[in-house]
Structure formats: C-alpha cells, structure tokens
N, C-alpha and C. Protein backbone atom coordinates (compact mmCIF):
# COMPACT_ATOMS: atom_id res chain seq x y z
N UNK A 1 -20.98 51.11 -66.10
CA UNK A 1 -20.70 51.42 -64.12
C UNK A 1 -20.08 50.07 -63.13
N UNK A 2 -18.85 49.65 -63.33
CA UNK A 2 -19.26 48.41 -62.42
C UNK A 2 -19.43 49.03 -60.91
N UNK A 3 -19.03 49.90 -59.91
CA UNK A 3 -18.97 50.13 -58.85
C UNK A 3 -20.06 50.68 -58.64
N UNK A 4 -21.00 51.53 -57.40
CA UNK A 4 -20.66 52.89 -57.86
C UNK A 4 -20.17 54.17 -55.80
N UNK A 5 -19.98 55.18 -57.32
CA UNK A 5 -19.63 56.32 -56.65
C UNK A 5 -20.87 56.32 -55.84
N UNK A 6 -19.74 57.26 -54.37
CA UNK A 6 -20.39 58.24 -53.63
C UNK A 6 -21.21 59.82 -54.29
N UNK A 7 -20.36 60.33 -55.38
CA UNK A 7 -20.43 61.49 -56.14
C UNK A 7 -22.01 60.50 -57.25
N UNK A 8 -21.50 59.60 -58.02
CA UNK A 8 -22.85 58.71 -58.47
C UNK A 8 -24.21 58.73 -57.63
N UNK A 9 -23.77 58.96 -56.46
CA UNK A 9 -25.25 57.86 -56.14
C UNK A 9 -26.16 60.14 -55.18
N UNK A 10 -25.37 60.39 -55.09
CA UNK A 10 -25.84 62.08 -55.04
C UNK A 10 -26.03 62.33 -56.41
N UNK A 11 -24.83 61.88 -57.54
CA UNK A 11 -26.27 62.51 -59.71
C UNK A 11 -27.34 62.44 -59.07
N UNK A 12 -27.32 60.80 -58.90
CA UNK A 12 -28.98 60.53 -59.41
C UNK A 12 -29.94 61.05 -58.68
N UNK A 13 -29.40 61.04 -56.84
CA UNK A 13 -30.69 61.14 -56.27
C UNK A 13 -31.04 63.23 -56.99
N UNK A 14 -30.22 64.33 -56.77
CA UNK A 14 -29.70 64.56 -57.64
C UNK A 14 -31.45 65.10 -58.66
N UNK A 15 -30.53 64.13 -59.53
CA UNK A 15 -31.22 64.25 -60.84
C UNK A 15 -33.38 63.83 -60.99
N UNK A 16 -33.49 62.97 -59.66
CA UNK A 16 -34.39 62.93 -59.60
C UNK A 16 -35.32 63.36 -59.39
N UNK A 17 -34.99 65.07 -58.08
CA UNK A 17 -35.16 65.60 -57.64
C UNK A 17 -35.34 66.97 -58.66
N UNK A 18 -34.07 67.05 -59.62
CA UNK A 18 -34.99 67.28 -60.92
C UNK A 18 -35.76 67.38 -61.60
N UNK A 19 -36.03 65.83 -61.96
CA UNK A 19 -36.88 65.73 -62.49
C UNK A 19 -38.43 65.46 -61.64
N UNK A 20 -38.51 65.15 -60.80
CA UNK A 20 -39.86 65.28 -59.86
C UNK A 20 -40.08 66.61 -59.16
N UNK A 21 -39.54 67.69 -59.58
CA UNK A 21 -39.27 69.12 -58.92
C UNK A 21 -39.92 68.67 -57.41
N UNK A 22 -38.55 67.85 -57.37
CA UNK A 22 -38.82 67.70 -55.31
C UNK A 22 -37.56 67.84 -55.59
N UNK A 23 -36.76 69.03 -55.67
CA UNK A 23 -34.59 68.49 -55.26
C UNK A 23 -35.29 69.19 -53.96
N UNK A 24 -35.77 69.98 -53.05
CA UNK A 24 -35.98 69.67 -51.79
C UNK A 24 -35.79 68.92 -51.13
N UNK A 25 -36.47 67.86 -51.36
CA UNK A 25 -36.32 66.58 -50.92
C UNK A 25 -35.18 65.52 -51.51
N UNK A 26 -34.64 65.63 -51.72
CA UNK A 26 -33.94 64.19 -52.99
C UNK A 26 -32.55 64.99 -52.16
N UNK A 27 -32.47 66.05 -52.26
CA UNK A 27 -30.44 66.44 -52.12
C UNK A 27 -30.49 66.33 -51.35
N UNK A 28 -31.12 66.24 -49.97
CA UNK A 28 -31.06 65.12 -48.77
C UNK A 28 -30.90 64.20 -48.43
N UNK A 29 -31.43 63.11 -49.35
CA UNK A 29 -31.58 61.51 -49.01
C UNK A 29 -30.20 61.80 -49.90
N UNK A 30 -29.50 62.67 -50.79
CA UNK A 30 -28.71 62.28 -51.60
C UNK A 30 -27.46 62.28 -50.74
N UNK A 31 -27.44 62.66 -50.11
CA UNK A 31 -26.23 63.14 -49.24
C UNK A 31 -25.84 61.97 -48.60
N UNK A 32 -26.99 61.62 -47.75
CA UNK A 32 -27.70 60.72 -46.93
C UNK A 32 -27.13 59.63 -48.13
N UNK A 33 -27.32 59.24 -48.77
CA UNK A 33 -26.47 58.19 -49.71
C UNK A 33 -25.29 58.46 -49.73
N UNK A 34 -24.69 59.57 -50.45
CA UNK A 34 -23.13 59.54 -50.75
C UNK A 34 -22.44 58.81 -49.40
N UNK A 35 -22.57 59.16 -47.54
CA UNK A 35 -22.01 58.92 -46.67
C UNK A 35 -22.48 57.70 -46.65
N UNK A 36 -23.69 56.64 -46.70
CA UNK A 36 -23.40 56.07 -46.66
C UNK A 36 -23.20 54.25 -47.87
N UNK A 37 -23.09 55.63 -49.24
CA UNK A 37 -21.86 54.96 -50.06
C UNK A 37 -20.41 55.06 -49.94
N UNK A 38 -20.19 55.83 -49.38
CA UNK A 38 -18.53 56.08 -48.36
C UNK A 38 -18.56 55.40 -47.73
N UNK A 39 -18.89 55.01 -47.22
CA UNK A 39 -18.95 54.34 -45.60
C UNK A 39 -18.54 52.88 -45.58
N UNK A 40 -20.11 52.50 -46.49
CA UNK A 40 -19.77 50.71 -47.14
C UNK A 40 -18.12 50.50 -47.71
N UNK A 41 -18.32 51.77 -48.81
CA UNK A 41 -16.97 50.85 -49.39
C UNK A 41 -15.70 50.87 -48.46
N UNK A 42 -15.45 52.07 -47.84
CA UNK A 42 -14.17 51.74 -46.83
C UNK A 42 -14.39 50.21 -45.68
N UNK A 43 -15.25 49.73 -46.01
CA UNK A 43 -15.51 48.53 -44.81
C UNK A 43 -15.36 47.51 -45.05
N UNK A 44 -15.50 47.85 -47.29
CA UNK A 44 -15.27 46.55 -47.51
C UNK A 44 -14.30 46.44 -48.60
N UNK A 45 -13.35 47.37 -48.16
CA UNK A 45 -12.28 48.01 -48.31
C UNK A 45 -11.16 46.70 -47.58
N UNK A 46 -10.40 46.18 -49.34
CA UNK A 46 -9.27 45.24 -47.63
C UNK A 46 -8.79 46.35 -47.51
C-alpha cells in the first residue's frame, strides 16, 4: 500500500477499537482521520 486512503485510515482506527474493546473511543478518531487524510490528499493533488 503506497498511499493511505481515507477509508484505510478509518479501517485502521476501527480495527484498533475492536482489538482494545474501546470502539466508541476509536471510531470518532477514525472519522477525524478519514477527513484529515482526504483533505491532505486534495491539497497535495495537482
């Protein structure tokens, strides 16, 4: 995986939440990461 996609960032945070049994904490962090990655990719795209 060369580039992190917004959906990938959300999946990583959801997986951490499921593994640590704190899904309610990690899912909102995943939503914020999803937005941050998509905004960063739109700014970097020529």
